[in-house]
Amino acid sequence: GIMLATSLMYLLSYLCYFFAVLKYGATKKT
């Protein structure tokens, strides 16, 4: 369960950074 919790944490991290990069890049282009 401790390991699964770590995996869920990195899933959240990836989603946050991915959408942040997309949003930040779009803002810069605009």
All heavy atoms as atom14 arrays in JSON, in Angstrom:
{
  "sequence": "GIMLATSLMYLLSYLCYFFAVLKYGATKKT",
  "atom14_mask": [
    [1, 1, 1, 1, 0, 0, 0, 0, 0, 0, 0, 0, 0, 0],
    [1, 1, 1, 1, 1, 1, 1, 1, 0, 0, 0, 0, 0, 0],
    [1, 1, 1, 1, 1, 1, 1, 1, 0, 0, 0, 0, 0, 0],
    [1, 1, 1, 1, 1, 1, 1, 1, 0, 0, 0, 0, 0, 0],
    [1, 1, 1, 1, 1, 0, 0, 0, 0, 0, 0, 0, 0, 0],
    [1, 1, 1, 1, 1, 1, 1, 0, 0, 0, 0, 0, 0, 0],
    [1, 1, 1, 1, 1, 1, 0, 0, 0, 0, 0, 0, 0, 0],
    [1, 1, 1, 1, 1, 1, 1, 1, 0, 0, 0, 0, 0, 0],
    [1, 1, 1, 1, 1, 1, 1, 1, 0, 0, 0, 0, 0, 0],
    [1, 1, 1, 1, 1, 1, 1, 1, 1, 1, 1, 1, 0, 0],
    [1, 1, 1, 1, 1, 1, 1, 1, 0, 0, 0, 0, 0, 0],
    [1, 1, 1, 1, 1, 1, 1, 1, 0, 0, 0, 0, 0, 0],
    [1, 1, 1, 1, 1, 1, 0, 0, 0, 0, 0, 0, 0, 0],
    [1, 1, 1, 1, 1, 1, 1, 1, 1, 1, 1, 1, 0, 0],
    [1, 1, 1, 1, 1, 1, 1, 1, 0, 0, 0, 0, 0, 0],
    [1, 1, 1, 1, 1, 1, 0, 0, 0, 0, 0, 0, 0, 0],
    [1, 1, 1, 1, 1, 1, 1, 1, 1, 1, 1, 1, 0, 0],
    [1, 1, 1, 1, 1, 1, 1, 1, 1, 1, 1, 0, 0, 0],
    [1, 1, 1, 1, 1, 1, 1, 1, 1, 1, 1, 0, 0, 0],
    [1, 1, 1, 1, 1, 0, 0, 0, 0, 0, 0, 0, 0, 0],
    [1, 1, 1, 1, 1, 1, 1, 0, 0, 0, 0, 0, 0, 0],
    [1, 1, 1, 1, 1, 1, 1, 1, 0, 0, 0, 0, 0, 0],
    [1, 1, 1, 1, 1, 1, 1, 1, 1, 0, 0, 0, 0, 0],
    [1, 1, 1, 1, 1, 1, 1, 1, 1, 1, 1, 1, 0, 0],
    [1, 1, 1, 1, 0, 0, 0, 0, 0, 0, 0, 0, 0, 0],
    [1, 1, 1, 1, 1, 0, 0, 0, 0, 0, 0, 0, 0, 0],
    [1, 1, 1, 1, 1, 1, 1, 0, 0, 0, 0, 0, 0, 0],
    [1, 1, 1, 1, 1, 1, 1, 1, 1, 0, 0, 0, 0, 0],
    [1, 1, 1, 1, 1, 1, 1, 1, 1, 0, 0, 0, 0, 0],
    [1, 1, 1, 1, 1, 1, 1, 0, 0, 0, 0, 0, 0, 0]
  ],
  "atom14_positions": [
    [[0.81, -1.22, 0.0], [0.0, 0.0, 0.0], [0.84, 1.26, 0.0], [0.47, 2.26, -0.62], [0.0, 0.0, 0.0], [0.0, 0.0, 0.0], [0.0, 0.0, 0.0], [0.0, 0.0, 0.0], [0.0, 0.0, 0.0], [0.0, 0.0, 0.0], [0.0, 0.0, 0.0], [0.0, 0.0, 0.0], [0.0, 0.0, 0.0], [0.0, 0.0, 0.0]],
    [[1.99, 1.21, 0.68], [2.9, 2.37, 0.68], [3.42, 2.62, -0.73], [3.51, 3.77, -1.19], [4.06, 2.13, 1.66], [3.52, 1.99, 3.1], [5.09, 3.25, 1.57], [4.57, 1.62, 4.12], [0.0, 0.0, 0.0], [0.0, 0.0, 0.0], [0.0, 0.0, 0.0], [0.0, 0.0, 0.0], [0.0, 0.0, 0.0], [0.0, 0.0, 0.0]],
    [[3.78, 1.56, -1.43], [4.25, 1.7, -2.81], [3.15, 2.2, -3.74], [3.39, 3.03, -4.62], [4.79, 0.36, -3.3], [6.2, 0.05, -2.84], [7.41, 1.22, -3.49], [8.92, 0.29, -3.25], [0.0, 0.0, 0.0], [0.0, 0.0, 0.0], [0.0, 0.0, 0.0], [0.0, 0.0, 0.0], [0.0, 0.0, 0.0], [0.0, 0.0, 0.0]],
    [[1.94, 1.68, -3.59], [0.83, 2.13, -4.42], [0.55, 3.61, -4.19], [0.26, 4.35, -5.15], [-0.42, 1.31, -4.12], [-1.69, 1.69, -4.89], [-1.47, 1.64, -6.4], [-2.87, 0.81, -4.49], [0.0, 0.0, 0.0], [0.0, 0.0, 0.0], [0.0, 0.0, 0.0], [0.0, 0.0, 0.0], [0.0, 0.0, 0.0], [0.0, 0.0, 0.0]],
    [[0.66, 4.06, -2.95], [0.46, 5.49, -2.65], [1.49, 6.34, -3.39], [1.17, 7.43, -3.9], [0.56, 5.72, -1.15], [0.0, 0.0, 0.0], [0.0, 0.0, 0.0], [0.0, 0.0, 0.0], [0.0, 0.0, 0.0], [0.0, 0.0, 0.0], [0.0, 0.0, 0.0], [0.0, 0.0, 0.0], [0.0, 0.0, 0.0], [0.0, 0.0, 0.0]],
    [[2.72, 5.86, -3.48], [3.76, 6.59, -4.22], [3.43, 6.66, -5.71], [3.61, 7.69, -6.36], [5.13, 5.91, -4.03], [5.44, 5.86, -2.64], [6.22, 6.67, -4.76], [0.0, 0.0, 0.0], [0.0, 0.0, 0.0], [0.0, 0.0, 0.0], [0.0, 0.0, 0.0], [0.0, 0.0, 0.0], [0.0, 0.0, 0.0], [0.0, 0.0, 0.0]],
    [[2.92, 5.56, -6.25], [2.54, 5.54, -7.67], [1.42, 6.54, -7.96], [1.45, 7.25, -8.97], [2.11, 4.12, -8.07], [3.17, 3.2, -7.87], [0.0, 0.0, 0.0], [0.0, 0.0, 0.0], [0.0, 0.0, 0.0], [0.0, 0.0, 0.0], [0.0, 0.0, 0.0], [0.0, 0.0, 0.0], [0.0, 0.0, 0.0], [0.0, 0.0, 0.0]],
    [[0.43, 6.61, -7.08], [-0.65, 7.58, -7.25], [-0.14, 9.01, -7.15], [-0.6, 9.91, -7.86], [-1.74, 7.33, -6.2], [-2.5, 6.0, -6.33], [-3.44, 5.8, -5.15], [-3.28, 5.95, -7.64], [0.0, 0.0, 0.0], [0.0, 0.0, 0.0], [0.0, 0.0, 0.0], [0.0, 0.0, 0.0], [0.0, 0.0, 0.0], [0.0, 0.0, 0.0]],
    [[0.83, 9.23, -6.28], [1.42, 10.56, -6.15], [2.09, 11.0, -7.45], [1.93, 12.14, -7.9], [2.44, 10.55, -5.01], [3.16, 11.87, -4.81], [4.55, 11.77, -3.65], [5.73, 10.83, -4.64], [0.0, 0.0, 0.0], [0.0, 0.0, 0.0], [0.0, 0.0, 0.0], [0.0, 0.0, 0.0], [0.0, 0.0, 0.0], [0.0, 0.0, 0.0]],
    [[2.86, 10.08, -8.07], [3.53, 10.45, -9.32], [2.56, 10.6, -10.48], [2.81, 11.38, -11.42], [4.62, 9.43, -9.65], [5.88, 9.66, -8.87], [6.34, 8.72, -7.95], [6.62, 10.83, -9.04], [7.49, 8.94, -7.22], [7.77, 11.06, -8.32], [8.2, 10.12, -7.4], [9.35, 10.36, -6.68], [0.0, 0.0, 0.0], [0.0, 0.0, 0.0]],
    [[1.44, 9.9, -10.45], [0.4, 10.12, -11.45], [-0.12, 11.54, -11.36], [-0.26, 12.25, -12.38], [-0.74, 9.11, -11.25], [-2.01, 9.36, -12.08], [-1.71, 9.33, -13.58], [-3.09, 8.34, -11.72], [0.0, 0.0, 0.0], [0.0, 0.0, 0.0], [0.0, 0.0, 0.0], [0.0, 0.0, 0.0], [0.0, 0.0, 0.0], [0.0, 0.0, 0.0]],
    [[-0.43, 11.99, -10.14], [-0.89, 13.37, -9.95], [0.17, 14.36, -10.39], [-0.13, 15.37, -11.06], [-1.25, 13.59, -8.48], [-1.64, 15.04, -8.11], [-2.93, 15.44, -8.83], [-1.81, 15.18, -6.6], [0.0, 0.0, 0.0], [0.0, 0.0, 0.0], [0.0, 0.0, 0.0], [0.0, 0.0, 0.0], [0.0, 0.0, 0.0], [0.0, 0.0, 0.0]],
    [[1.43, 14.09, -10.05], [2.52, 14.99, -10.42], [2.63, 15.14, -11.93], [2.76, 16.26, -12.46], [3.84, 14.46, -9.85], [4.91, 15.31, -10.2], [0.0, 0.0, 0.0], [0.0, 0.0, 0.0], [0.0, 0.0, 0.0], [0.0, 0.0, 0.0], [0.0, 0.0, 0.0], [0.0, 0.0, 0.0], [0.0, 0.0, 0.0], [0.0, 0.0, 0.0]],
    [[2.56, 14.01, -12.63], [2.67, 14.06, -14.1], [1.53, 14.87, -14.7], [1.76, 15.72, -15.58], [2.67, 12.65, -14.68], [2.7, 12.65, -16.19], [3.89, 12.89, -16.87], [1.55, 12.45, -16.93], [3.94, 12.92, -18.25], [1.58, 12.48, -18.32], [2.78, 12.71, -18.97], [2.8, 12.76, -20.34], [0.0, 0.0, 0.0], [0.0, 0.0, 0.0]],
    [[0.3, 14.63, -14.26], [-0.85, 15.36, -14.8], [-0.72, 16.87, -14.55], [-0.99, 17.68, -15.44], [-2.14, 14.83, -14.19], [-2.53, 13.39, -14.57], [-3.76, 12.95, -13.78], [-2.77, 13.27, -16.07], [0.0, 0.0, 0.0], [0.0, 0.0, 0.0], [0.0, 0.0, 0.0], [0.0, 0.0, 0.0], [0.0, 0.0, 0.0], [0.0, 0.0, 0.0]],
    [[-0.29, 17.24, -13.35], [-0.14, 18.66, -13.02], [0.91, 19.32, -13.9], [0.68, 20.41, -14.47], [0.22, 18.82, -11.55], [-1.11, 18.44, -10.39], [0.0, 0.0, 0.0], [0.0, 0.0, 0.0], [0.0, 0.0, 0.0], [0.0, 0.0, 0.0], [0.0, 0.0, 0.0], [0.0, 0.0, 0.0], [0.0, 0.0, 0.0], [0.0, 0.0, 0.0]],
    [[2.06, 18.7, -14.04], [3.13, 19.31, -14.84], [2.79, 19.34, -16.32], [3.1, 20.31, -17.03], [4.45, 18.56, -14.61], [5.21, 19.06, -13.42], [5.2, 18.36, -12.22], [5.94, 20.24, -13.48], [5.9, 18.82, -11.12], [6.64, 20.72, -12.38], [6.61, 20.0, -11.2], [7.29, 20.47, -10.12], [0.0, 0.0, 0.0], [0.0, 0.0, 0.0]],
    [[2.14, 18.29, -16.81], [1.8, 18.23, -18.22], [0.84, 19.37, -18.59], [1.08, 20.11, -19.57], [1.16, 16.88, -18.55], [0.75, 16.74, -19.99], [1.7, 16.53, -20.98], [-0.58, 16.81, -20.36], [1.33, 16.4, -22.31], [-0.96, 16.68, -21.69], [0.0, 16.47, -22.66], [0.0, 0.0, 0.0], [0.0, 0.0, 0.0], [0.0, 0.0, 0.0]],
    [[-0.21, 19.54, -17.81], [-1.17, 20.6, -18.12], [-0.59, 21.99, -17.85], [-0.94, 22.95, -18.53], [-2.46, 20.4, -17.33], [-3.3, 19.25, -17.85], [-3.48, 18.11, -17.1], [-3.88, 19.31, -19.11], [-4.23, 17.04, -17.58], [-4.63, 18.26, -19.6], [-4.81, 17.12, -18.85], [0.0, 0.0, 0.0], [0.0, 0.0, 0.0], [0.0, 0.0, 0.0]],
    [[0.33, 22.09, -16.88], [0.98, 23.37, -16.62], [1.87, 23.78, -17.8], [1.88, 24.95, -18.21], [1.82, 23.29, -15.34], [0.0, 0.0, 0.0], [0.0, 0.0, 0.0], [0.0, 0.0, 0.0], [0.0, 0.0, 0.0], [0.0, 0.0, 0.0], [0.0, 0.0, 0.0], [0.0, 0.0, 0.0], [0.0, 0.0, 0.0], [0.0, 0.0, 0.0]],
    [[2.59, 22.81, -18.36], [3.44, 23.11, -19.52], [2.59, 23.52, -20.71], [2.92, 24.48, -21.43], [4.33, 21.9, -19.87], [5.0, 22.09, -21.22], [5.38, 21.68, -18.79], [0.0, 0.0, 0.0], [0.0, 0.0, 0.0], [0.0, 0.0, 0.0], [0.0, 0.0, 0.0], [0.0, 0.0, 0.0], [0.0, 0.0, 0.0], [0.0, 0.0, 0.0]],
    [[1.49, 22.82, -20.95], [0.6, 23.17, -22.06], [0.02, 24.57, -21.88], [0.0, 25.38, -22.81], [-0.52, 22.14, -22.18], [-0.13, 20.75, -22.67], [-1.38, 19.87, -22.78], [0.58, 20.8, -24.02], [0.0, 0.0, 0.0], [0.0, 0.0, 0.0], [0.0, 0.0, 0.0], [0.0, 0.0, 0.0], [0.0, 0.0, 0.0], [0.0, 0.0, 0.0]],
    [[-0.47, 24.85, -20.68], [-1.1, 26.15, -20.42], [-0.09, 27.27, -20.5], [-0.34, 28.32, -21.1], [-1.76, 26.14, -19.05], [-2.47, 27.46, -18.71], [-3.14, 27.39, -17.35], [-3.82, 28.72, -17.03], [-4.5, 28.69, -15.71], [0.0, 0.0, 0.0], [0.0, 0.0, 0.0], [0.0, 0.0, 0.0], [0.0, 0.0, 0.0], [0.0, 0.0, 0.0]],
    [[1.09, 27.08, -19.91], [2.11, 28.12, -19.92], [2.59, 28.4, -21.33], [2.78, 29.54, -21.74], [3.28, 27.72, -19.04], [4.37, 28.76, -18.97], [4.12, 30.01, -18.43], [5.65, 28.49, -19.45], [5.11, 30.97, -18.36], [6.65, 29.45, -19.38], [6.37, 30.68, -18.83], [7.36, 31.63, -18.77], [0.0, 0.0, 0.0], [0.0, 0.0, 0.0]],
    [[2.77, 27.32, -22.13], [3.2, 27.5, -23.51], [2.16, 28.24, -24.34], [2.49, 29.11, -25.15], [0.0, 0.0, 0.0], [0.0, 0.0, 0.0], [0.0, 0.0, 0.0], [0.0, 0.0, 0.0], [0.0, 0.0, 0.0], [0.0, 0.0, 0.0], [0.0, 0.0, 0.0], [0.0, 0.0, 0.0], [0.0, 0.0, 0.0], [0.0, 0.0, 0.0]],
    [[0.88, 27.9, -24.12], [-0.19, 28.57, -24.85], [-0.25, 30.05, -24.49], [-0.46, 30.91, -25.33], [-1.53, 27.89, -24.56], [0.0, 0.0, 0.0], [0.0, 0.0, 0.0], [0.0, 0.0, 0.0], [0.0, 0.0, 0.0], [0.0, 0.0, 0.0], [0.0, 0.0, 0.0], [0.0, 0.0, 0.0], [0.0, 0.0, 0.0], [0.0, 0.0, 0.0]],
    [[-0.04, 30.36, -23.21], [-0.08, 31.74, -22.76], [1.03, 32.54, -23.4], [0.84, 33.67, -23.85], [0.05, 31.8, -21.22], [-1.0, 31.03, -20.66], [-0.03, 33.24, -20.71], [0.0, 0.0, 0.0], [0.0, 0.0, 0.0], [0.0, 0.0, 0.0], [0.0, 0.0, 0.0], [0.0, 0.0, 0.0], [0.0, 0.0, 0.0], [0.0, 0.0, 0.0]],
    [[2.21, 31.94, -23.47], [3.35, 32.65, -24.06], [3.13, 32.94, -25.54], [3.44, 34.01, -26.04], [4.62, 31.82, -23.89], [5.09, 31.66, -22.46], [5.59, 32.95, -21.9], [6.94, 33.33, -22.46], [7.49, 34.54, -21.85], [0.0, 0.0, 0.0], [0.0, 0.0, 0.0], [0.0, 0.0, 0.0], [0.0, 0.0, 0.0], [0.0, 0.0, 0.0]],
    [[2.52, 31.95, -26.25], [2.27, 32.14, -27.67], [1.26, 33.27, -27.88], [1.39, 34.12, -28.77], [1.77, 30.86, -28.3], [2.85, 29.81, -28.48], [2.31, 28.57, -29.17], [3.41, 27.54, -29.38], [2.9, 26.34, -30.05], [0.0, 0.0, 0.0], [0.0, 0.0, 0.0], [0.0, 0.0, 0.0], [0.0, 0.0, 0.0], [0.0, 0.0, 0.0]],
    [[0.2, 33.3, -27.05], [-0.83, 34.32, -27.19], [-0.28, 35.7, -26.92], [-0.54, 36.66, -27.65], [-1.99, 34.03, -26.21], [-2.49, 32.72, -26.49], [-3.09, 35.05, -26.37], [0.0, 0.0, 0.0], [0.0, 0.0, 0.0], [0.0, 0.0, 0.0], [0.0, 0.0, 0.0], [0.0, 0.0, 0.0], [0.0, 0.0, 0.0], [0.0, 0.0, 0.0]]
  ]
}
